[in-house]
Amino acid sequence: MTDTRKRPGRWKPGESGNPAGKPKGSGEVAKLRAAIADRVPELLAAMMARALDGDVGAARLLLERTIAPLKAIEPPQPLTLPDGSLTEQGRAVLASVASGELAPGQGAALVGAIGALARVTEIDELAERVAALEKKNVST
């Protein structure tokens, strides 16, 4: 005789013994955050006092958390590319970077754009060739 009743702790794969799950905010981290949240004004005042007294670590922490870091920017640089092939244009960009006329980041962005343009041009040419072949096959 077999027992068909479910025994506690024995679930089928994918089945949970607690489908609702653990209630949100009941973990130790949530309790710690709630305790800290009540004292944030005091903590900030103490941190500010330490920073004003010369504590570099406190000052750094306050500044890092309140002011966005500065990012280096490269000013736009006009560049005249030759009307020739994409290869010639890529060489012109590399020559401009080598001569110091363009920043390396700008040169890399331009070479990447030229590469993307080459792929688009290739797709256009392939589409034209396929259309010509289809037209030729339909007319024969």
N, C-alpha and C. Protein backbone atom coordinates (compact mmCIF):
# COMPACT_ATOMS: atom_id res chain seq x y z
N MET A 1 0.84 -1.16 0.00
CA MET A 1 0.00 0.00 0.00
C MET A 1 0.89 1.24 0.00
N THR A 2 0.59 2.16 -0.93
CA THR A 2 1.43 3.35 -1.04
C THR A 2 0.69 4.55 -0.45
N ASP A 3 1.44 5.42 0.13
CA ASP A 3 0.88 6.62 0.74
C ASP A 3 0.85 7.72 -0.33
N THR A 4 -0.34 8.21 -0.71
CA THR A 4 -0.46 9.21 -1.77
C THR A 4 -0.49 10.63 -1.22
N ARG A 5 -0.48 10.77 0.07
CA ARG A 5 -0.49 12.11 0.67
C ARG A 5 0.89 12.76 0.50
N LYS A 6 0.86 14.09 0.36
CA LYS A 6 2.13 14.83 0.26
C LYS A 6 2.76 14.92 1.64
N ARG A 7 4.02 14.71 1.66
CA ARG A 7 4.75 14.87 2.91
C ARG A 7 5.39 16.26 2.93
N PRO A 8 5.45 16.90 4.06
CA PRO A 8 6.06 18.23 4.13
C PRO A 8 7.50 18.19 3.61
N GLY A 9 7.84 19.21 2.82
CA GLY A 9 9.21 19.30 2.33
C GLY A 9 9.45 18.55 1.04
N ARG A 10 8.43 17.93 0.48
CA ARG A 10 8.60 17.18 -0.77
C ARG A 10 7.71 17.81 -1.83
N TRP A 11 8.37 18.58 -2.71
CA TRP A 11 7.63 19.24 -3.77
C TRP A 11 8.14 18.77 -5.12
N LYS A 12 7.27 18.88 -6.08
CA LYS A 12 7.67 18.55 -7.43
C LYS A 12 8.60 19.64 -7.94
N PRO A 13 9.43 19.33 -8.94
CA PRO A 13 10.29 20.37 -9.49
C PRO A 13 9.46 21.55 -9.99
N GLY A 14 9.88 22.78 -9.64
CA GLY A 14 9.17 23.97 -10.05
C GLY A 14 8.04 24.37 -9.13
N GLU A 15 7.78 23.57 -8.11
CA GLU A 15 6.70 23.84 -7.16
C GLU A 15 7.33 24.39 -5.89
N SER A 16 6.70 25.40 -5.29
CA SER A 16 7.26 26.02 -4.10
C SER A 16 6.41 25.70 -2.88
N GLY A 17 7.04 25.57 -1.76
CA GLY A 17 6.31 25.37 -0.51
C GLY A 17 5.79 26.68 0.05
N ASN A 18 6.30 27.79 -0.49
CA ASN A 18 5.87 29.11 -0.03
C ASN A 18 5.70 30.01 -1.25
N PRO A 19 4.60 29.86 -2.00
CA PRO A 19 4.45 30.61 -3.24
C PRO A 19 4.42 32.12 -3.06
N ALA A 20 3.97 32.61 -1.93
CA ALA A 20 3.93 34.05 -1.70
C ALA A 20 5.33 34.60 -1.44
N GLY A 21 6.24 33.75 -1.00
CA GLY A 21 7.61 34.18 -0.75
C GLY A 21 7.75 34.92 0.57
N LYS A 22 8.97 35.34 0.83
CA LYS A 22 9.29 36.07 2.04
C LYS A 22 8.76 37.50 1.90
N PRO A 23 8.11 38.04 2.91
CA PRO A 23 7.59 39.41 2.82
C PRO A 23 8.72 40.41 2.60
N LYS A 24 8.48 41.41 1.73
CA LYS A 24 9.49 42.42 1.47
C LYS A 24 9.74 43.24 2.71
N GLY A 25 11.01 43.60 2.88
CA GLY A 25 11.37 44.43 4.03
C GLY A 25 11.53 43.67 5.32
N SER A 26 11.52 42.34 5.28
CA SER A 26 11.63 41.58 6.52
C SER A 26 13.04 41.08 6.77
N GLY A 27 13.97 41.33 5.82
CA GLY A 27 15.34 40.87 5.97
C GLY A 27 16.16 41.79 6.84
N GLU A 28 17.35 41.33 7.18
CA GLU A 28 18.24 42.09 8.04
C GLU A 28 18.70 43.39 7.38
N VAL A 29 18.96 43.35 6.08
CA VAL A 29 19.42 44.55 5.37
C VAL A 29 18.32 45.61 5.39
N ALA A 30 17.09 45.21 5.17
CA ALA A 30 15.98 46.17 5.19
C ALA A 30 15.82 46.79 6.57
N LYS A 31 16.00 46.00 7.61
CA LYS A 31 15.90 46.53 8.97
C LYS A 31 17.03 47.52 9.24
N LEU A 32 18.24 47.20 8.76
CA LEU A 32 19.37 48.10 8.95
C LEU A 32 19.16 49.41 8.19
N ARG A 33 18.66 49.32 6.96
CA ARG A 33 18.38 50.53 6.19
C ARG A 33 17.33 51.40 6.89
N ALA A 34 16.31 50.78 7.42
CA ALA A 34 15.27 51.54 8.11
C ALA A 34 15.84 52.25 9.34
N ALA A 35 16.71 51.57 10.07
CA ALA A 35 17.32 52.18 11.26
C ALA A 35 18.21 53.35 10.87
N ILE A 36 18.95 53.20 9.78
CA ILE A 36 19.83 54.28 9.33
C ILE A 36 19.01 55.44 8.79
N ALA A 37 17.94 55.15 8.06
CA ALA A 37 17.12 56.19 7.45
C ALA A 37 16.58 57.16 8.50
N ASP A 38 16.28 56.67 9.68
CA ASP A 38 15.77 57.54 10.74
C ASP A 38 16.83 58.52 11.23
N ARG A 39 18.10 58.19 11.03
CA ARG A 39 19.18 59.02 11.58
C ARG A 39 20.00 59.74 10.51
N VAL A 40 19.52 59.76 9.27
CA VAL A 40 20.28 60.37 8.18
C VAL A 40 20.63 61.83 8.45
N PRO A 41 19.72 62.67 8.91
CA PRO A 41 20.10 64.06 9.16
C PRO A 41 21.26 64.19 10.15
N GLU A 42 21.22 63.39 11.20
CA GLU A 42 22.31 63.42 12.19
C GLU A 42 23.63 62.97 11.57
N LEU A 43 23.56 61.89 10.78
CA LEU A 43 24.77 61.37 10.15
C LEU A 43 25.38 62.40 9.19
N LEU A 44 24.53 63.05 8.42
CA LEU A 44 25.03 64.06 7.49
C LEU A 44 25.66 65.23 8.23
N ALA A 45 25.03 65.66 9.31
CA ALA A 45 25.58 66.77 10.10
C ALA A 45 26.94 66.40 10.68
N ALA A 46 27.05 65.17 11.18
CA ALA A 46 28.33 64.72 11.74
C ALA A 46 29.41 64.62 10.66
N MET A 47 29.02 64.12 9.50
CA MET A 47 29.96 63.99 8.39
C MET A 47 30.42 65.37 7.92
N MET A 48 29.49 66.32 7.86
CA MET A 48 29.82 67.68 7.45
C MET A 48 30.77 68.32 8.45
N ALA A 49 30.52 68.11 9.74
CA ALA A 49 31.38 68.68 10.77
C ALA A 49 32.79 68.10 10.66
N ARG A 50 32.89 66.81 10.42
CA ARG A 50 34.22 66.18 10.27
C ARG A 50 34.94 66.73 9.04
N ALA A 51 34.19 66.90 7.95
CA ALA A 51 34.79 67.42 6.72
C ALA A 51 35.29 68.84 6.94
N LEU A 52 34.50 69.66 7.62
CA LEU A 52 34.89 71.05 7.88
C LEU A 52 36.06 71.15 8.85
N ASP A 53 36.24 70.12 9.70
CA ASP A 53 37.37 70.08 10.63
C ASP A 53 38.64 69.57 9.96
N GLY A 54 38.55 69.22 8.67
CA GLY A 54 39.76 68.81 7.95
C GLY A 54 39.86 67.33 7.64
N ASP A 55 38.83 66.56 7.92
CA ASP A 55 38.86 65.13 7.59
C ASP A 55 38.66 64.98 6.08
N VAL A 56 39.76 64.67 5.39
CA VAL A 56 39.74 64.58 3.94
C VAL A 56 38.83 63.44 3.47
N GLY A 57 38.83 62.34 4.18
CA GLY A 57 37.98 61.21 3.81
C GLY A 57 36.51 61.56 3.87
N ALA A 58 36.10 62.29 4.90
CA ALA A 58 34.71 62.70 5.04
C ALA A 58 34.35 63.68 3.93
N ALA A 59 35.26 64.62 3.65
CA ALA A 59 34.99 65.60 2.60
C ALA A 59 34.88 64.91 1.24
N ARG A 60 35.77 63.98 1.00
CA ARG A 60 35.75 63.27 -0.27
C ARG A 60 34.45 62.47 -0.43
N LEU A 61 34.03 61.80 0.62
CA LEU A 61 32.80 61.02 0.57
C LEU A 61 31.59 61.92 0.28
N LEU A 62 31.53 63.05 0.97
CA LEU A 62 30.41 63.97 0.73
C LEU A 62 30.42 64.48 -0.70
N LEU A 63 31.58 64.86 -1.20
CA LEU A 63 31.66 65.40 -2.55
C LEU A 63 31.37 64.34 -3.60
N GLU A 64 31.88 63.13 -3.40
CA GLU A 64 31.63 62.06 -4.38
C GLU A 64 30.16 61.70 -4.47
N ARG A 65 29.45 61.82 -3.37
CA ARG A 65 28.04 61.42 -3.34
C ARG A 65 27.09 62.54 -3.75
N THR A 66 27.58 63.78 -3.81
CA THR A 66 26.68 64.88 -4.11
C THR A 66 26.97 65.60 -5.41
N ILE A 67 28.21 65.54 -5.90
CA ILE A 67 28.57 66.26 -7.12
C ILE A 67 29.02 65.24 -8.17
N ALA A 68 28.41 65.33 -9.35
CA ALA A 68 28.76 64.41 -10.43
C ALA A 68 30.20 64.65 -10.86
N PRO A 69 30.93 63.57 -11.16
CA PRO A 69 32.33 63.75 -11.58
C PRO A 69 32.40 64.44 -12.95
N LEU A 70 33.45 65.20 -13.13
CA LEU A 70 33.66 65.86 -14.42
C LEU A 70 34.17 64.85 -15.43
N LYS A 71 33.69 64.99 -16.66
CA LYS A 71 34.14 64.11 -17.73
C LYS A 71 34.89 64.94 -18.74
N ALA A 72 35.97 64.39 -19.24
CA ALA A 72 36.75 65.08 -20.25
C ALA A 72 35.94 65.13 -21.54
N ILE A 73 35.99 66.27 -22.21
CA ILE A 73 35.31 66.39 -23.49
C ILE A 73 36.31 66.85 -24.53
N GLU A 74 36.08 66.44 -25.75
CA GLU A 74 36.93 66.86 -26.85
C GLU A 74 36.14 67.87 -27.67
N PRO A 75 36.69 69.08 -27.87
CA PRO A 75 35.96 70.07 -28.65
C PRO A 75 35.82 69.61 -30.10
N PRO A 76 34.75 69.99 -30.76
CA PRO A 76 34.59 69.61 -32.16
C PRO A 76 35.73 70.16 -33.01
N GLN A 77 36.15 69.37 -33.96
CA GLN A 77 37.26 69.76 -34.82
C GLN A 77 36.82 69.60 -36.27
N PRO A 78 36.80 70.69 -37.05
CA PRO A 78 36.43 70.54 -38.45
C PRO A 78 37.50 69.75 -39.21
N LEU A 79 37.04 68.94 -40.14
CA LEU A 79 37.96 68.11 -40.92
C LEU A 79 37.39 67.97 -42.32
N THR A 80 38.22 68.20 -43.30
CA THR A 80 37.79 68.03 -44.68
C THR A 80 38.32 66.70 -45.18
N LEU A 81 37.41 65.82 -45.56
CA LEU A 81 37.79 64.50 -46.07
C LEU A 81 37.80 64.53 -47.59
N PRO A 82 38.69 63.75 -48.20
CA PRO A 82 38.72 63.71 -49.66
C PRO A 82 37.44 63.09 -50.22
N ASP A 83 37.13 63.43 -51.46
CA ASP A 83 35.93 62.89 -52.11
C ASP A 83 36.15 61.48 -52.64
N GLY A 84 37.31 60.91 -52.46
CA GLY A 84 37.62 59.60 -53.01
C GLY A 84 36.92 58.47 -52.29
N SER A 85 37.55 57.32 -52.31
CA SER A 85 36.96 56.11 -51.73
C SER A 85 36.93 56.20 -50.20
N LEU A 86 36.19 55.27 -49.60
CA LEU A 86 36.12 55.22 -48.14
C LEU A 86 37.49 54.91 -47.54
N THR A 87 38.28 54.13 -48.26
CA THR A 87 39.65 53.82 -47.81
C THR A 87 40.47 55.09 -47.74
N GLU A 88 40.37 55.92 -48.77
CA GLU A 88 41.12 57.18 -48.78
C GLU A 88 40.65 58.10 -47.65
N GLN A 89 39.36 58.10 -47.38
CA GLN A 89 38.84 58.92 -46.28
C GLN A 89 39.36 58.41 -44.93
N GLY A 90 39.40 57.09 -44.77
CA GLY A 90 39.94 56.51 -43.54
C GLY A 90 41.40 56.87 -43.35
N ARG A 91 42.16 56.82 -44.43
CA ARG A 91 43.58 57.20 -44.37
C ARG A 91 43.74 58.68 -44.00
N ALA A 92 42.86 59.52 -44.51
CA ALA A 92 42.92 60.95 -44.19
C ALA A 92 42.65 61.17 -42.70
N VAL A 93 41.71 60.43 -42.14
CA VAL A 93 41.43 60.55 -40.70
C VAL A 93 42.64 60.11 -39.89
N LEU A 94 43.24 58.97 -40.26
CA LEU A 94 44.42 58.49 -39.54
C LEU A 94 45.58 59.48 -39.64
N ALA A 95 45.75 60.10 -40.82
CA ALA A 95 46.81 61.09 -40.98
C ALA A 95 46.55 62.31 -40.09
N SER A 96 45.28 62.70 -39.96
CA SER A 96 44.94 63.84 -39.10
C SER A 96 45.22 63.52 -37.63
N VAL A 97 44.95 62.30 -37.23
CA VAL A 97 45.26 61.89 -35.85
C VAL A 97 46.77 61.87 -35.64
N ALA A 98 47.50 61.33 -36.62
CA ALA A 98 48.96 61.23 -36.50
C ALA A 98 49.61 62.61 -36.44
N SER A 99 49.04 63.59 -37.15
CA SER A 99 49.62 64.93 -37.17
C SER A 99 49.18 65.77 -35.96
N GLY A 100 48.25 65.26 -35.16
CA GLY A 100 47.78 65.98 -33.99
C GLY A 100 46.63 66.92 -34.29
N GLU A 101 46.13 66.90 -35.51
CA GLU A 101 45.00 67.75 -35.88
C GLU A 101 43.72 67.27 -35.22
N LEU A 102 43.59 65.96 -35.05
CA LEU A 102 42.42 65.35 -34.41
C LEU A 102 42.86 64.59 -33.17
N ALA A 103 42.00 64.57 -32.16
CA ALA A 103 42.26 63.75 -30.97
C ALA A 103 42.03 62.28 -31.33
N PRO A 104 42.76 61.37 -30.68
CA PRO A 104 42.60 59.94 -31.00
C PRO A 104 41.16 59.45 -30.86
N GLY A 105 40.43 59.93 -29.86
CA GLY A 105 39.03 59.51 -29.69
C GLY A 105 38.16 59.95 -30.85
N GLN A 106 38.40 61.16 -31.33
CA GLN A 106 37.65 61.65 -32.48
C GLN A 106 37.99 60.84 -33.72
N GLY A 107 39.28 60.53 -33.90
CA GLY A 107 39.70 59.72 -35.04
C GLY A 107 39.07 58.35 -35.01
N ALA A 108 39.04 57.74 -33.84
CA ALA A 108 38.44 56.41 -33.72
C ALA A 108 36.95 56.46 -34.05
N ALA A 109 36.27 57.51 -33.58
CA ALA A 109 34.85 57.65 -33.88
C ALA A 109 34.63 57.83 -35.38
N LEU A 110 35.46 58.62 -36.03
CA LEU A 110 35.31 58.84 -37.47
C LEU A 110 35.61 57.58 -38.27
N VAL A 111 36.66 56.86 -37.89
CA VAL A 111 36.96 55.60 -38.60
C VAL A 111 35.81 54.61 -38.41
N GLY A 112 35.23 54.56 -37.22
CA GLY A 112 34.08 53.69 -36.98
C GLY A 112 32.89 54.10 -37.84
N ALA A 113 32.68 55.41 -37.99
CA ALA A 113 31.58 55.89 -38.83
C ALA A 113 31.83 55.55 -40.30
N ILE A 114 33.07 55.66 -40.73
CA ILE A 114 33.40 55.31 -42.11
C ILE A 114 33.17 53.81 -42.33
N GLY A 115 33.53 52.99 -41.34
CA GLY A 115 33.28 51.54 -41.44
C GLY A 115 31.79 51.23 -41.53
N ALA A 116 30.99 51.93 -40.73
CA ALA A 116 29.53 51.71 -40.78
C ALA A 116 28.99 52.15 -42.14
N LEU A 117 29.50 53.24 -42.67
CA LEU A 117 29.07 53.70 -43.99
C LEU A 117 29.45 52.68 -45.06
N ALA A 118 30.62 52.05 -44.90
CA ALA A 118 31.04 51.03 -45.86
C ALA A 118 30.07 49.85 -45.85
N ARG A 119 29.62 49.45 -44.66
CA ARG A 119 28.66 48.34 -44.57
C ARG A 119 27.32 48.71 -45.20
N VAL A 120 26.87 49.93 -44.98
CA VAL A 120 25.60 50.38 -45.57
C VAL A 120 25.73 50.42 -47.09
N THR A 121 26.84 50.93 -47.58
CA THR A 121 27.07 50.99 -49.02
C THR A 121 27.08 49.59 -49.62
N GLU A 122 27.72 48.66 -48.93
CA GLU A 122 27.77 47.27 -49.40
C GLU A 122 26.37 46.66 -49.48
N ILE A 123 25.55 46.93 -48.49
CA ILE A 123 24.18 46.41 -48.49
C ILE A 123 23.39 47.02 -49.64
N ASP A 124 23.56 48.33 -49.87
CA ASP A 124 22.87 48.97 -51.00
C ASP A 124 23.28 48.34 -52.33
N GLU A 125 24.57 48.11 -52.49
CA GLU A 125 25.05 47.51 -53.74
C GLU A 125 24.52 46.09 -53.92
N LEU A 126 24.49 45.33 -52.84
CA LEU A 126 23.95 43.97 -52.93
C LEU A 126 22.46 43.99 -53.28
N ALA A 127 21.71 44.92 -52.69
CA ALA A 127 20.29 45.03 -52.99
C ALA A 127 20.07 45.38 -54.46
N GLU A 128 20.90 46.27 -55.00
CA GLU A 128 20.79 46.62 -56.42
C GLU A 128 21.10 45.42 -57.31
N ARG A 129 22.13 44.65 -56.93
CA ARG A 129 22.49 43.47 -57.72
C ARG A 129 21.39 42.42 -57.69
N VAL A 130 20.80 42.19 -56.52
CA VAL A 130 19.71 41.22 -56.42
C VAL A 130 18.52 41.68 -57.25
N ALA A 131 18.20 42.98 -57.18
CA ALA A 131 17.07 43.50 -57.95
C ALA A 131 17.33 43.33 -59.45
N ALA A 132 18.57 43.56 -59.91
CA ALA A 132 18.90 43.40 -61.32
C ALA A 132 18.78 41.94 -61.73
N LEU A 133 19.25 41.01 -60.87
CA LEU A 133 19.15 39.59 -61.18
C LEU A 133 17.69 39.14 -61.24
N GLU A 134 16.87 39.63 -60.31
CA GLU A 134 15.46 39.26 -60.32
C GLU A 134 14.77 39.81 -61.58
N LYS A 135 15.11 41.01 -61.95
CA LYS A 135 14.52 41.59 -63.16
C LYS A 135 14.94 40.79 -64.38
N LYS A 136 16.19 40.36 -64.41
CA LYS A 136 16.70 39.56 -65.55
C LYS A 136 15.98 38.22 -65.59
N ASN A 137 15.77 37.57 -64.45
CA ASN A 137 15.11 36.26 -64.41
C ASN A 137 13.63 36.36 -64.76
N VAL A 138 12.99 37.45 -64.40
CA VAL A 138 11.57 37.63 -64.72
C VAL A 138 11.40 37.86 -66.22
N SER A 139 12.33 38.57 -66.85
CA SER A 139 12.18 38.88 -68.28
C SER A 139 12.56 37.71 -69.17
N THR A 140 13.26 36.71 -68.67
CA THR A 140 13.63 35.55 -69.52
C THR A 140 12.64 34.43 -69.43
